[in-house]
């Protein structure tokens, strides 16, 4: 390791070793890392979905405002589409948190539960226990069910909405793919 302070550089080699009081093996640490990476990847996918939902909802709202009362079918279709998207978003993320007290008033959602599990798994000096794997499997299944709903909305409802807009010569909604750095659903 190299340290530079006030223009002076000092170097020292050292080895990072596990706590000798514990019997944790390299394989145990590998299990911990593997589960932590799975959780991280599921969280990233969840947050990217939330970002995508919010982008589409914003575009739908903008389009509906643009057409105003001129096109009741588009306004109704936009409201229905946003309702479906909101149901998925609210299953994945607590949208009502505005102040520091709100987490006490509104239940946490799937992304927060999964993030809490990541904290439990990564803070331990032992391999993940069976309960950690079970919780991951359960939360992952619930999240994947919501992501499937979202996928179905994007494959059927959104194209139908866009076709309705196109039939009335109104520009459609465009879904942007998530970028690599997108990890947080916060605006």
N, C-alpha and C. Protein backbone atom coordinates (compact mmCIF):
# COMPACT_ATOMS: atom_id res chain seq x y z
N UNK A 1 0.85 -1.16 0.00
CA UNK A 1 0.00 0.00 0.00
C UNK A 1 0.90 1.23 0.00
N UNK A 2 0.41 2.27 -0.68
CA UNK A 2 1.18 3.50 -0.76
C UNK A 2 0.33 4.63 -0.19
N UNK A 3 0.96 5.48 0.63
CA UNK A 3 0.30 6.61 1.25
C UNK A 3 1.13 7.85 1.00
N UNK A 4 0.48 8.92 0.51
CA UNK A 4 1.18 10.18 0.27
C UNK A 4 0.55 11.25 1.13
N UNK A 5 1.39 11.92 1.96
CA UNK A 5 0.94 13.01 2.82
C UNK A 5 1.95 14.13 2.73
N UNK A 6 1.46 15.33 2.45
CA UNK A 6 2.32 16.51 2.33
C UNK A 6 3.52 16.26 1.42
N UNK A 7 3.29 15.59 0.32
CA UNK A 7 4.34 15.35 -0.66
C UNK A 7 5.26 14.19 -0.32
N UNK A 8 5.13 13.61 0.85
CA UNK A 8 5.96 12.47 1.23
C UNK A 8 5.18 11.19 0.98
N UNK A 9 5.82 10.25 0.31
CA UNK A 9 5.19 8.97 0.00
C UNK A 9 5.84 7.87 0.82
N UNK A 10 4.98 7.07 1.41
CA UNK A 10 5.45 5.92 2.18
C UNK A 10 4.75 4.68 1.62
N UNK A 11 5.48 3.58 1.57
CA UNK A 11 4.92 2.33 1.06
C UNK A 11 5.18 1.21 2.05
N UNK A 12 4.21 0.32 2.15
CA UNK A 12 4.34 -0.82 3.04
C UNK A 12 3.52 -1.96 2.46
N UNK A 13 4.03 -3.15 2.53
CA UNK A 13 3.26 -4.31 2.08
C UNK A 13 2.64 -4.97 3.30
N UNK A 14 1.46 -5.54 3.08
CA UNK A 14 0.78 -6.23 4.17
C UNK A 14 -0.20 -7.22 3.56
N UNK A 15 -0.71 -8.09 4.37
CA UNK A 15 -1.69 -9.09 3.95
C UNK A 15 -2.98 -8.87 4.74
N UNK A 16 -4.10 -8.97 4.05
CA UNK A 16 -5.40 -8.88 4.70
C UNK A 16 -5.80 -10.31 5.05
N UNK A 17 -6.07 -10.55 6.32
CA UNK A 17 -6.39 -11.89 6.79
C UNK A 17 -7.73 -11.86 7.52
N UNK A 18 -8.40 -12.99 7.49
CA UNK A 18 -9.67 -13.05 8.22
C UNK A 18 -9.43 -13.01 9.73
N UNK A 19 -10.47 -12.69 10.44
CA UNK A 19 -10.41 -12.67 11.90
C UNK A 19 -10.03 -14.06 12.39
N UNK A 20 -8.92 -14.18 13.12
CA UNK A 20 -8.47 -15.50 13.57
C UNK A 20 -9.40 -16.14 14.61
N UNK A 21 -10.28 -15.37 15.18
CA UNK A 21 -11.23 -15.91 16.16
C UNK A 21 -12.37 -16.67 15.49
N UNK A 22 -12.49 -16.51 14.16
CA UNK A 22 -13.59 -17.15 13.43
C UNK A 22 -13.07 -18.30 12.59
N UNK A 23 -13.96 -19.22 12.31
CA UNK A 23 -13.58 -20.37 11.49
C UNK A 23 -14.10 -20.23 10.06
N UNK A 24 -14.30 -19.02 9.60
CA UNK A 24 -14.83 -18.77 8.27
C UNK A 24 -13.77 -19.11 7.23
N UNK A 25 -14.18 -19.91 6.24
CA UNK A 25 -13.26 -20.35 5.20
C UNK A 25 -13.39 -19.48 3.96
N UNK A 26 -12.48 -19.66 3.04
CA UNK A 26 -12.56 -18.94 1.76
C UNK A 26 -13.84 -19.31 1.03
N UNK A 27 -14.24 -20.56 1.12
CA UNK A 27 -15.49 -20.99 0.48
C UNK A 27 -16.70 -20.29 1.10
N UNK A 28 -16.65 -20.08 2.43
CA UNK A 28 -17.74 -19.37 3.11
C UNK A 28 -17.83 -17.92 2.60
N UNK A 29 -16.67 -17.28 2.49
CA UNK A 29 -16.66 -15.91 1.96
C UNK A 29 -17.15 -15.87 0.51
N UNK A 30 -16.82 -16.91 -0.25
CA UNK A 30 -17.27 -16.98 -1.64
C UNK A 30 -18.80 -17.10 -1.70
N UNK A 31 -19.40 -17.88 -0.80
CA UNK A 31 -20.87 -18.00 -0.74
C UNK A 31 -21.49 -16.64 -0.42
N UNK A 32 -20.86 -15.94 0.52
CA UNK A 32 -21.35 -14.62 0.92
C UNK A 32 -21.29 -13.66 -0.28
N UNK A 33 -20.17 -13.66 -0.96
CA UNK A 33 -20.01 -12.78 -2.12
C UNK A 33 -21.00 -13.14 -3.22
N UNK A 34 -21.18 -14.43 -3.46
CA UNK A 34 -22.10 -14.87 -4.52
C UNK A 34 -23.52 -14.39 -4.24
N UNK A 35 -24.00 -14.57 -3.01
CA UNK A 35 -25.35 -14.12 -2.68
C UNK A 35 -25.44 -12.60 -2.73
N UNK A 36 -24.43 -11.91 -2.23
CA UNK A 36 -24.44 -10.45 -2.25
C UNK A 36 -24.50 -9.93 -3.69
N UNK A 37 -23.78 -10.55 -4.60
CA UNK A 37 -23.80 -10.13 -6.00
C UNK A 37 -25.16 -10.41 -6.64
N UNK A 38 -25.78 -11.54 -6.29
CA UNK A 38 -27.12 -11.84 -6.81
C UNK A 38 -28.12 -10.78 -6.34
N UNK A 39 -28.02 -10.43 -5.06
CA UNK A 39 -28.92 -9.41 -4.51
C UNK A 39 -28.68 -8.08 -5.21
N UNK A 40 -27.40 -7.71 -5.35
CA UNK A 40 -27.08 -6.45 -6.03
C UNK A 40 -27.66 -6.42 -7.45
N UNK A 41 -27.50 -7.52 -8.18
CA UNK A 41 -28.00 -7.56 -9.55
C UNK A 41 -29.52 -7.46 -9.60
N UNK A 42 -30.20 -8.11 -8.65
CA UNK A 42 -31.67 -8.04 -8.60
C UNK A 42 -32.11 -6.63 -8.24
N UNK A 43 -31.39 -5.97 -7.33
CA UNK A 43 -31.70 -4.59 -6.99
C UNK A 43 -31.51 -3.66 -8.19
N UNK A 44 -30.43 -3.88 -8.92
CA UNK A 44 -30.17 -3.06 -10.11
C UNK A 44 -31.30 -3.22 -11.12
N UNK A 45 -31.71 -4.45 -11.35
CA UNK A 45 -32.81 -4.70 -12.29
C UNK A 45 -34.10 -4.04 -11.80
N UNK A 46 -34.35 -4.12 -10.51
CA UNK A 46 -35.54 -3.50 -9.92
C UNK A 46 -35.50 -1.98 -10.08
N UNK A 47 -34.37 -1.39 -9.76
CA UNK A 47 -34.25 0.08 -9.86
C UNK A 47 -34.33 0.54 -11.31
N UNK A 48 -33.75 -0.22 -12.22
CA UNK A 48 -33.87 0.14 -13.64
C UNK A 48 -35.32 0.07 -14.10
N UNK A 49 -36.07 -0.90 -13.61
CA UNK A 49 -37.49 -0.99 -13.95
C UNK A 49 -38.25 0.22 -13.41
N UNK A 50 -37.94 0.64 -12.19
CA UNK A 50 -38.60 1.81 -11.60
C UNK A 50 -38.29 3.06 -12.42
N UNK A 51 -37.05 3.20 -12.82
CA UNK A 51 -36.66 4.35 -13.65
C UNK A 51 -37.43 4.32 -14.97
N UNK A 52 -37.53 3.15 -15.57
CA UNK A 52 -38.25 3.01 -16.85
C UNK A 52 -39.73 3.34 -16.66
N UNK A 53 -40.33 2.84 -15.60
CA UNK A 53 -41.75 3.12 -15.32
C UNK A 53 -41.96 4.62 -15.19
N UNK A 54 -41.11 5.28 -14.43
CA UNK A 54 -41.28 6.72 -14.22
C UNK A 54 -41.10 7.50 -15.51
N UNK A 55 -40.18 7.06 -16.35
CA UNK A 55 -39.98 7.74 -17.63
C UNK A 55 -41.21 7.59 -18.52
N UNK A 56 -41.75 6.39 -18.61
CA UNK A 56 -42.93 6.17 -19.46
C UNK A 56 -44.13 6.93 -18.89
N UNK A 57 -44.32 6.88 -17.57
CA UNK A 57 -45.43 7.61 -16.96
C UNK A 57 -45.33 9.11 -17.24
N UNK A 58 -44.12 9.66 -17.15
CA UNK A 58 -43.93 11.09 -17.43
C UNK A 58 -44.29 11.39 -18.87
N UNK A 59 -43.84 10.54 -19.79
CA UNK A 59 -44.14 10.76 -21.20
C UNK A 59 -45.64 10.65 -21.48
N UNK A 60 -46.30 9.70 -20.85
CA UNK A 60 -47.75 9.55 -21.02
C UNK A 60 -48.45 10.79 -20.49
N UNK A 61 -48.05 11.23 -19.29
CA UNK A 61 -48.65 12.45 -18.72
C UNK A 61 -48.44 13.65 -19.64
N UNK A 62 -47.23 13.79 -20.18
CA UNK A 62 -46.94 14.91 -21.09
C UNK A 62 -47.81 14.83 -22.34
N UNK A 63 -47.95 13.63 -22.88
CA UNK A 63 -48.76 13.47 -24.10
C UNK A 63 -50.21 13.79 -23.81
N UNK A 64 -50.73 13.29 -22.70
CA UNK A 64 -52.13 13.54 -22.35
C UNK A 64 -52.35 15.04 -22.13
N UNK A 65 -51.39 15.73 -21.50
CA UNK A 65 -51.51 17.18 -21.32
C UNK A 65 -51.49 17.89 -22.66
N UNK A 66 -50.64 17.39 -23.58
CA UNK A 66 -50.54 18.01 -24.91
C UNK A 66 -51.85 17.94 -25.67
N UNK A 67 -52.49 16.77 -25.63
CA UNK A 67 -53.72 16.63 -26.40
C UNK A 67 -54.92 17.18 -25.66
N UNK A 68 -54.81 17.27 -24.33
CA UNK A 68 -55.88 17.85 -23.53
C UNK A 68 -57.21 17.18 -23.77
N UNK A 69 -58.26 17.97 -23.80
CA UNK A 69 -59.61 17.44 -23.97
C UNK A 69 -59.92 17.11 -25.42
N UNK A 70 -58.97 17.38 -26.32
CA UNK A 70 -59.19 17.10 -27.74
C UNK A 70 -59.36 15.61 -27.99
N UNK A 71 -58.76 14.77 -27.18
CA UNK A 71 -58.83 13.34 -27.42
C UNK A 71 -59.10 12.60 -26.12
N UNK A 72 -60.38 12.40 -25.83
CA UNK A 72 -60.76 11.65 -24.63
C UNK A 72 -60.27 10.22 -24.69
N UNK A 73 -60.29 9.53 -25.85
CA UNK A 73 -59.76 8.15 -25.87
C UNK A 73 -58.29 8.06 -25.46
N UNK A 74 -57.49 9.03 -25.88
CA UNK A 74 -56.07 9.02 -25.50
C UNK A 74 -55.93 9.33 -24.02
N UNK A 75 -56.69 10.28 -23.51
CA UNK A 75 -56.63 10.61 -22.08
C UNK A 75 -57.03 9.39 -21.24
N UNK A 76 -58.10 8.71 -21.65
CA UNK A 76 -58.54 7.52 -20.91
C UNK A 76 -57.52 6.40 -20.99
N UNK A 77 -56.96 6.18 -22.18
CA UNK A 77 -55.95 5.13 -22.35
C UNK A 77 -54.69 5.46 -21.56
N UNK A 78 -54.30 6.73 -21.54
CA UNK A 78 -53.14 7.15 -20.77
C UNK A 78 -53.34 6.95 -19.28
N UNK A 79 -54.52 7.27 -18.80
CA UNK A 79 -54.84 7.07 -17.39
C UNK A 79 -54.79 5.58 -17.04
N UNK A 80 -55.35 4.74 -17.89
CA UNK A 80 -55.35 3.29 -17.65
C UNK A 80 -53.93 2.73 -17.67
N UNK A 81 -53.13 3.18 -18.64
CA UNK A 81 -51.74 2.72 -18.74
C UNK A 81 -50.94 3.13 -17.51
N UNK A 82 -51.07 4.38 -17.12
CA UNK A 82 -50.34 4.85 -15.94
C UNK A 82 -50.79 4.15 -14.66
N UNK A 83 -52.05 3.78 -14.60
CA UNK A 83 -52.55 3.05 -13.43
C UNK A 83 -51.85 1.69 -13.34
N UNK A 84 -51.75 0.99 -14.45
CA UNK A 84 -51.07 -0.31 -14.45
C UNK A 84 -49.59 -0.16 -14.09
N UNK A 85 -48.95 0.86 -14.64
CA UNK A 85 -47.54 1.09 -14.34
C UNK A 85 -47.35 1.45 -12.86
N UNK A 86 -48.25 2.24 -12.32
CA UNK A 86 -48.17 2.65 -10.92
C UNK A 86 -48.33 1.45 -9.99
N UNK A 87 -49.19 0.50 -10.35
CA UNK A 87 -49.37 -0.69 -9.52
C UNK A 87 -48.05 -1.46 -9.40
N UNK A 88 -47.34 -1.60 -10.52
CA UNK A 88 -46.05 -2.29 -10.50
C UNK A 88 -45.03 -1.47 -9.70
N UNK A 89 -44.98 -0.17 -9.97
CA UNK A 89 -44.03 0.70 -9.28
C UNK A 89 -44.24 0.64 -7.77
N UNK A 90 -45.48 0.71 -7.33
CA UNK A 90 -45.77 0.71 -5.90
C UNK A 90 -45.52 -0.64 -5.24
N UNK A 91 -45.54 -1.70 -6.01
CA UNK A 91 -45.17 -3.01 -5.45
C UNK A 91 -43.66 -3.09 -5.25
N UNK A 92 -42.93 -2.44 -6.13
CA UNK A 92 -41.47 -2.48 -6.07
C UNK A 92 -40.88 -1.44 -5.14
N UNK A 93 -41.50 -0.26 -5.04
CA UNK A 93 -40.89 0.89 -4.37
C UNK A 93 -41.94 1.68 -3.62
N UNK A 94 -41.63 2.11 -2.41
CA UNK A 94 -42.57 2.92 -1.63
C UNK A 94 -42.55 4.35 -2.17
N UNK A 95 -43.59 4.71 -2.88
CA UNK A 95 -43.65 6.01 -3.54
C UNK A 95 -44.14 7.12 -2.62
N UNK A 96 -44.64 6.79 -1.45
CA UNK A 96 -45.22 7.81 -0.57
C UNK A 96 -44.21 8.43 0.37
N UNK A 97 -42.98 7.93 0.41
CA UNK A 97 -41.97 8.51 1.31
C UNK A 97 -41.56 9.89 0.82
N UNK A 98 -41.86 10.89 1.62
CA UNK A 98 -41.47 12.26 1.29
C UNK A 98 -40.61 12.88 2.39
N UNK A 99 -40.89 12.48 3.63
CA UNK A 99 -40.13 13.04 4.76
C UNK A 99 -39.45 11.91 5.52
N UNK A 100 -38.63 12.27 6.48
CA UNK A 100 -37.91 11.26 7.25
C UNK A 100 -38.84 10.42 8.12
N UNK A 101 -40.03 10.92 8.41
CA UNK A 101 -41.00 10.17 9.21
C UNK A 101 -41.84 9.20 8.38
N UNK A 102 -41.90 9.40 7.07
CA UNK A 102 -42.77 8.58 6.23
C UNK A 102 -42.47 7.09 6.27
N UNK A 103 -41.21 6.65 6.37
CA UNK A 103 -40.98 5.20 6.47
C UNK A 103 -41.67 4.57 7.68
N UNK A 104 -41.97 5.37 8.69
CA UNK A 104 -42.71 4.85 9.83
C UNK A 104 -44.19 4.71 9.53
N UNK A 105 -44.68 5.52 8.59
CA UNK A 105 -46.10 5.54 8.28
C UNK A 105 -46.49 4.64 7.11
N UNK A 106 -45.55 4.35 6.23
CA UNK A 106 -45.84 3.57 5.03
C UNK A 106 -44.93 2.35 5.00
N UNK A 107 -45.46 1.19 4.68
CA UNK A 107 -44.64 -0.02 4.70
C UNK A 107 -43.57 -0.02 3.61
N UNK A 108 -42.46 -0.67 3.93
CA UNK A 108 -41.40 -0.77 2.93
C UNK A 108 -41.84 -1.73 1.83
N UNK A 109 -41.24 -1.60 0.67
CA UNK A 109 -41.60 -2.42 -0.48
C UNK A 109 -40.47 -3.38 -0.82
N UNK A 110 -40.63 -4.08 -1.91
CA UNK A 110 -39.71 -5.16 -2.26
C UNK A 110 -38.27 -4.71 -2.39
N UNK A 111 -38.02 -3.56 -3.03
CA UNK A 111 -36.63 -3.13 -3.21
C UNK A 111 -35.96 -2.86 -1.87
N UNK A 112 -36.69 -2.29 -0.92
CA UNK A 112 -36.12 -1.99 0.38
C UNK A 112 -35.86 -3.25 1.18
N UNK A 113 -36.76 -4.22 1.06
CA UNK A 113 -36.57 -5.49 1.75
C UNK A 113 -35.32 -6.19 1.21
N UNK A 114 -35.16 -6.15 -0.10
CA UNK A 114 -33.99 -6.80 -0.70
C UNK A 114 -32.71 -6.06 -0.31
N UNK A 115 -32.75 -4.74 -0.27
CA UNK A 115 -31.57 -3.96 0.15
C UNK A 115 -31.22 -4.26 1.61
N UNK A 116 -32.23 -4.44 2.45
CA UNK A 116 -31.98 -4.77 3.85
C UNK A 116 -31.32 -6.15 3.96
N UNK A 117 -31.76 -7.08 3.13
CA UNK A 117 -31.14 -8.41 3.11
C UNK A 117 -29.68 -8.30 2.70
N UNK A 118 -29.38 -7.45 1.75
CA UNK A 118 -27.99 -7.25 1.33
C UNK A 118 -27.14 -6.78 2.51
N UNK A 119 -27.68 -5.90 3.32
CA UNK A 119 -26.97 -5.44 4.50
C UNK A 119 -26.70 -6.57 5.47
N UNK A 120 -27.68 -7.42 5.68
CA UNK A 120 -27.51 -8.56 6.59
C UNK A 120 -26.43 -9.50 6.07
N UNK A 121 -26.50 -9.82 4.79
CA UNK A 121 -25.55 -10.77 4.19
C UNK A 121 -24.14 -10.20 4.17
N UNK A 122 -23.99 -8.95 3.83
CA UNK A 122 -22.65 -8.39 3.64
C UNK A 122 -21.96 -7.99 4.95
N UNK A 123 -22.70 -7.79 6.01
CA UNK A 123 -22.09 -7.40 7.29
C UNK A 123 -21.56 -8.59 8.09
N UNK A 124 -21.93 -9.76 7.72
CA UNK A 124 -21.57 -10.94 8.50
C UNK A 124 -20.17 -11.43 8.18
N UNK A 125 -19.56 -12.06 9.14
CA UNK A 125 -18.26 -12.70 8.95
C UNK A 125 -18.44 -14.21 8.81
N UNK A 126 -19.64 -14.60 8.52
CA UNK A 126 -19.96 -16.02 8.34
C UNK A 126 -20.67 -16.20 7.01
N UNK A 127 -20.77 -17.43 6.53
CA UNK A 127 -21.50 -17.63 5.27
C UNK A 127 -22.98 -17.33 5.49
N UNK A 128 -23.70 -16.98 4.42
CA UNK A 128 -25.14 -16.72 4.58
C UNK A 128 -25.85 -17.97 5.10
N UNK A 129 -26.80 -17.77 5.99
CA UNK A 129 -27.55 -18.91 6.52
C UNK A 129 -28.69 -19.27 5.56
N UNK A 130 -29.34 -20.37 5.83
CA UNK A 130 -30.42 -20.85 4.95
C UNK A 130 -31.56 -19.84 4.88
N UNK A 131 -31.82 -19.13 5.97
CA UNK A 131 -32.89 -18.13 5.97
C UNK A 131 -32.59 -16.99 4.99
N UNK A 132 -31.33 -16.62 4.89
CA UNK A 132 -30.96 -15.56 3.94
C UNK A 132 -31.24 -15.99 2.51
N UNK A 133 -30.89 -17.23 2.20
CA UNK A 133 -31.18 -17.75 0.86
C UNK A 133 -32.69 -17.84 0.63
N UNK A 134 -33.43 -18.28 1.65
CA UNK A 134 -34.88 -18.41 1.51
C UNK A 134 -35.53 -17.04 1.30
N UNK A 135 -35.09 -16.06 2.06
CA UNK A 135 -35.64 -14.71 1.90
C UNK A 135 -35.30 -14.16 0.52
N UNK A 136 -34.06 -14.37 0.08
CA UNK A 136 -33.68 -13.93 -1.26
C UNK A 136 -34.57 -14.58 -2.31
N UNK A 137 -34.76 -15.88 -2.21
CA UNK A 137 -35.59 -16.60 -3.20
C UNK A 137 -37.02 -16.06 -3.21
N UNK A 138 -37.56 -15.82 -2.02
CA UNK A 138 -38.94 -15.32 -1.92
C UNK A 138 -39.05 -13.91 -2.50
N UNK A 139 -38.16 -13.02 -2.09
CA UNK A 139 -38.21 -11.64 -2.60
C UNK A 139 -37.93 -11.59 -4.09
N UNK A 140 -36.98 -12.38 -4.53
CA UNK A 140 -36.65 -12.41 -5.95
C UNK A 140 -37.84 -12.89 -6.78
N UNK A 141 -38.55 -13.89 -6.29
CA UNK A 141 -39.74 -14.39 -6.99
C UNK A 141 -40.81 -13.31 -7.07
N UNK A 142 -41.01 -12.59 -5.97
CA UNK A 142 -42.01 -11.52 -5.97
C UNK A 142 -41.61 -10.39 -6.91
N UNK A 143 -40.35 -10.03 -6.90
CA UNK A 143 -39.86 -8.98 -7.80
C UNK A 143 -39.99 -9.43 -9.24
N UNK A 144 -39.58 -10.66 -9.52
CA UNK A 144 -39.67 -11.17 -10.90
C UNK A 144 -41.10 -11.21 -11.40
N UNK A 145 -42.06 -11.49 -10.51
CA UNK A 145 -43.47 -11.46 -10.89
C UNK A 145 -43.87 -10.04 -11.31
N UNK A 146 -43.41 -9.05 -10.56
CA UNK A 146 -43.71 -7.66 -10.92
C UNK A 146 -43.02 -7.26 -12.22
N UNK A 147 -41.78 -7.71 -12.40
CA UNK A 147 -41.05 -7.40 -13.63
C UNK A 147 -41.73 -8.06 -14.83
N UNK A 148 -42.32 -9.25 -14.62
CA UNK A 148 -43.09 -9.90 -15.69
C UNK A 148 -44.32 -9.07 -16.05
N UNK A 149 -45.01 -8.57 -15.02
CA UNK A 149 -46.17 -7.70 -15.27
C UNK A 149 -45.74 -6.48 -16.08
N UNK A 150 -44.62 -5.89 -15.67
CA UNK A 150 -44.12 -4.72 -16.38
C UNK A 150 -43.79 -5.07 -17.83
N UNK A 151 -43.14 -6.18 -18.02
CA UNK A 151 -42.80 -6.62 -19.37
C UNK A 151 -44.05 -6.79 -20.23
N UNK A 152 -45.09 -7.37 -19.64
CA UNK A 152 -46.34 -7.57 -20.38
C UNK A 152 -46.99 -6.22 -20.72
N UNK A 153 -46.94 -5.27 -19.80
CA UNK A 153 -47.49 -3.94 -20.06
C UNK A 153 -46.72 -3.29 -21.21
N UNK A 154 -45.40 -3.43 -21.19
CA UNK A 154 -44.56 -2.82 -22.23
C UNK A 154 -44.76 -3.50 -23.58
N UNK A 155 -45.14 -4.77 -23.58
CA UNK A 155 -45.34 -5.51 -24.84
C UNK A 155 -46.74 -5.34 -25.41
N UNK A 156 -47.73 -5.08 -24.54
CA UNK A 156 -49.11 -5.01 -25.03
C UNK A 156 -49.75 -3.64 -24.83
N UNK A 157 -49.80 -3.18 -23.60
CA UNK A 157 -50.52 -1.93 -23.30
C UNK A 157 -49.85 -0.70 -23.92
N UNK A 158 -48.53 -0.62 -23.79
CA UNK A 158 -47.83 0.54 -24.33
C UNK A 158 -47.93 0.61 -25.85
N UNK A 159 -47.69 -0.50 -26.59
CA UNK A 159 -47.88 -0.42 -28.04
C UNK A 159 -49.32 -0.07 -28.44
N UNK A 160 -50.30 -0.57 -27.68
CA UNK A 160 -51.70 -0.23 -27.98
C UNK A 160 -51.93 1.27 -27.78
N UNK A 161 -51.36 1.82 -26.71
CA UNK A 161 -51.48 3.26 -26.47
C UNK A 161 -50.79 4.04 -27.58
N UNK A 162 -49.58 3.60 -27.94
CA UNK A 162 -48.85 4.28 -29.01
C UNK A 162 -49.61 4.20 -30.34
N UNK A 163 -50.24 3.06 -30.60
CA UNK A 163 -51.01 2.92 -31.84
C UNK A 163 -52.21 3.86 -31.84
N UNK A 164 -52.86 3.98 -30.70
CA UNK A 164 -53.98 4.91 -30.59
C UNK A 164 -53.52 6.33 -30.88
N UNK A 165 -52.36 6.70 -30.32
CA UNK A 165 -51.81 8.03 -30.58
C UNK A 165 -51.44 8.19 -32.05
N UNK A 166 -50.84 7.16 -32.62
CA UNK A 166 -50.44 7.20 -34.03
C UNK A 166 -51.66 7.35 -34.94
N UNK A 167 -52.73 6.62 -34.62
CA UNK A 167 -53.95 6.70 -35.43
C UNK A 167 -54.53 8.11 -35.43
N UNK A 168 -54.22 8.87 -34.37
CA UNK A 168 -54.70 10.25 -34.29
C UNK A 168 -53.59 11.24 -34.62
N UNK A 169 -52.51 10.74 -35.24
CA UNK A 169 -51.37 11.57 -35.65
C UNK A 169 -50.73 12.33 -34.49
N UNK A 170 -50.60 11.64 -33.36
CA UNK A 170 -49.96 12.22 -32.18
C UNK A 170 -48.67 11.43 -31.95
N UNK A 171 -47.54 12.11 -31.71
CA UNK A 171 -46.27 11.39 -31.49
C UNK A 171 -46.38 10.39 -30.34
N UNK A 172 -45.74 9.24 -30.52
CA UNK A 172 -45.84 8.14 -29.56
C UNK A 172 -44.86 8.28 -28.39
N UNK A 173 -44.97 7.36 -27.47
CA UNK A 173 -44.09 7.27 -26.31
C UNK A 173 -42.90 6.40 -26.70
N UNK A 174 -41.71 6.79 -26.28
CA UNK A 174 -40.49 6.04 -26.57
C UNK A 174 -39.90 5.57 -25.26
N UNK A 175 -39.63 4.26 -25.16
CA UNK A 175 -39.02 3.70 -23.95
C UNK A 175 -37.52 3.68 -24.13
N UNK A 176 -36.83 4.36 -23.22
CA UNK A 176 -35.37 4.37 -23.27
C UNK A 176 -34.84 3.15 -22.53
N UNK A 177 -33.85 2.46 -23.10
CA UNK A 177 -33.26 1.35 -22.34
C UNK A 177 -32.47 1.90 -21.16
N UNK A 178 -32.39 1.13 -20.06
CA UNK A 178 -31.61 1.61 -18.92
C UNK A 178 -30.13 1.69 -19.27
N UNK A 179 -29.47 2.67 -18.66
CA UNK A 179 -28.04 2.79 -18.88
C UNK A 179 -27.31 2.05 -17.78
N UNK A 180 -26.06 1.75 -18.00
CA UNK A 180 -25.27 0.95 -17.08
C UNK A 180 -25.24 1.56 -15.68
N UNK A 181 -25.13 2.86 -15.58
CA UNK A 181 -24.99 3.51 -14.28
C UNK A 181 -26.28 3.69 -13.51
N UNK A 182 -27.44 3.42 -14.13
CA UNK A 182 -28.70 3.61 -13.45
C UNK A 182 -28.87 2.55 -12.36
N UNK A 183 -28.82 2.98 -11.11
CA UNK A 183 -28.98 2.03 -10.01
C UNK A 183 -30.00 2.51 -8.99
N UNK A 184 -30.40 3.74 -9.07
CA UNK A 184 -31.29 4.25 -8.05
C UNK A 184 -32.57 4.78 -8.68
N UNK A 185 -33.73 4.45 -8.08
CA UNK A 185 -34.98 4.95 -8.62
C UNK A 185 -35.28 6.37 -8.22
N UNK A 186 -34.43 6.96 -7.43
CA UNK A 186 -34.69 8.32 -6.97
C UNK A 186 -34.54 9.28 -8.14
N UNK A 187 -35.46 10.26 -8.26
CA UNK A 187 -35.37 11.23 -9.37
C UNK A 187 -34.20 12.15 -9.21
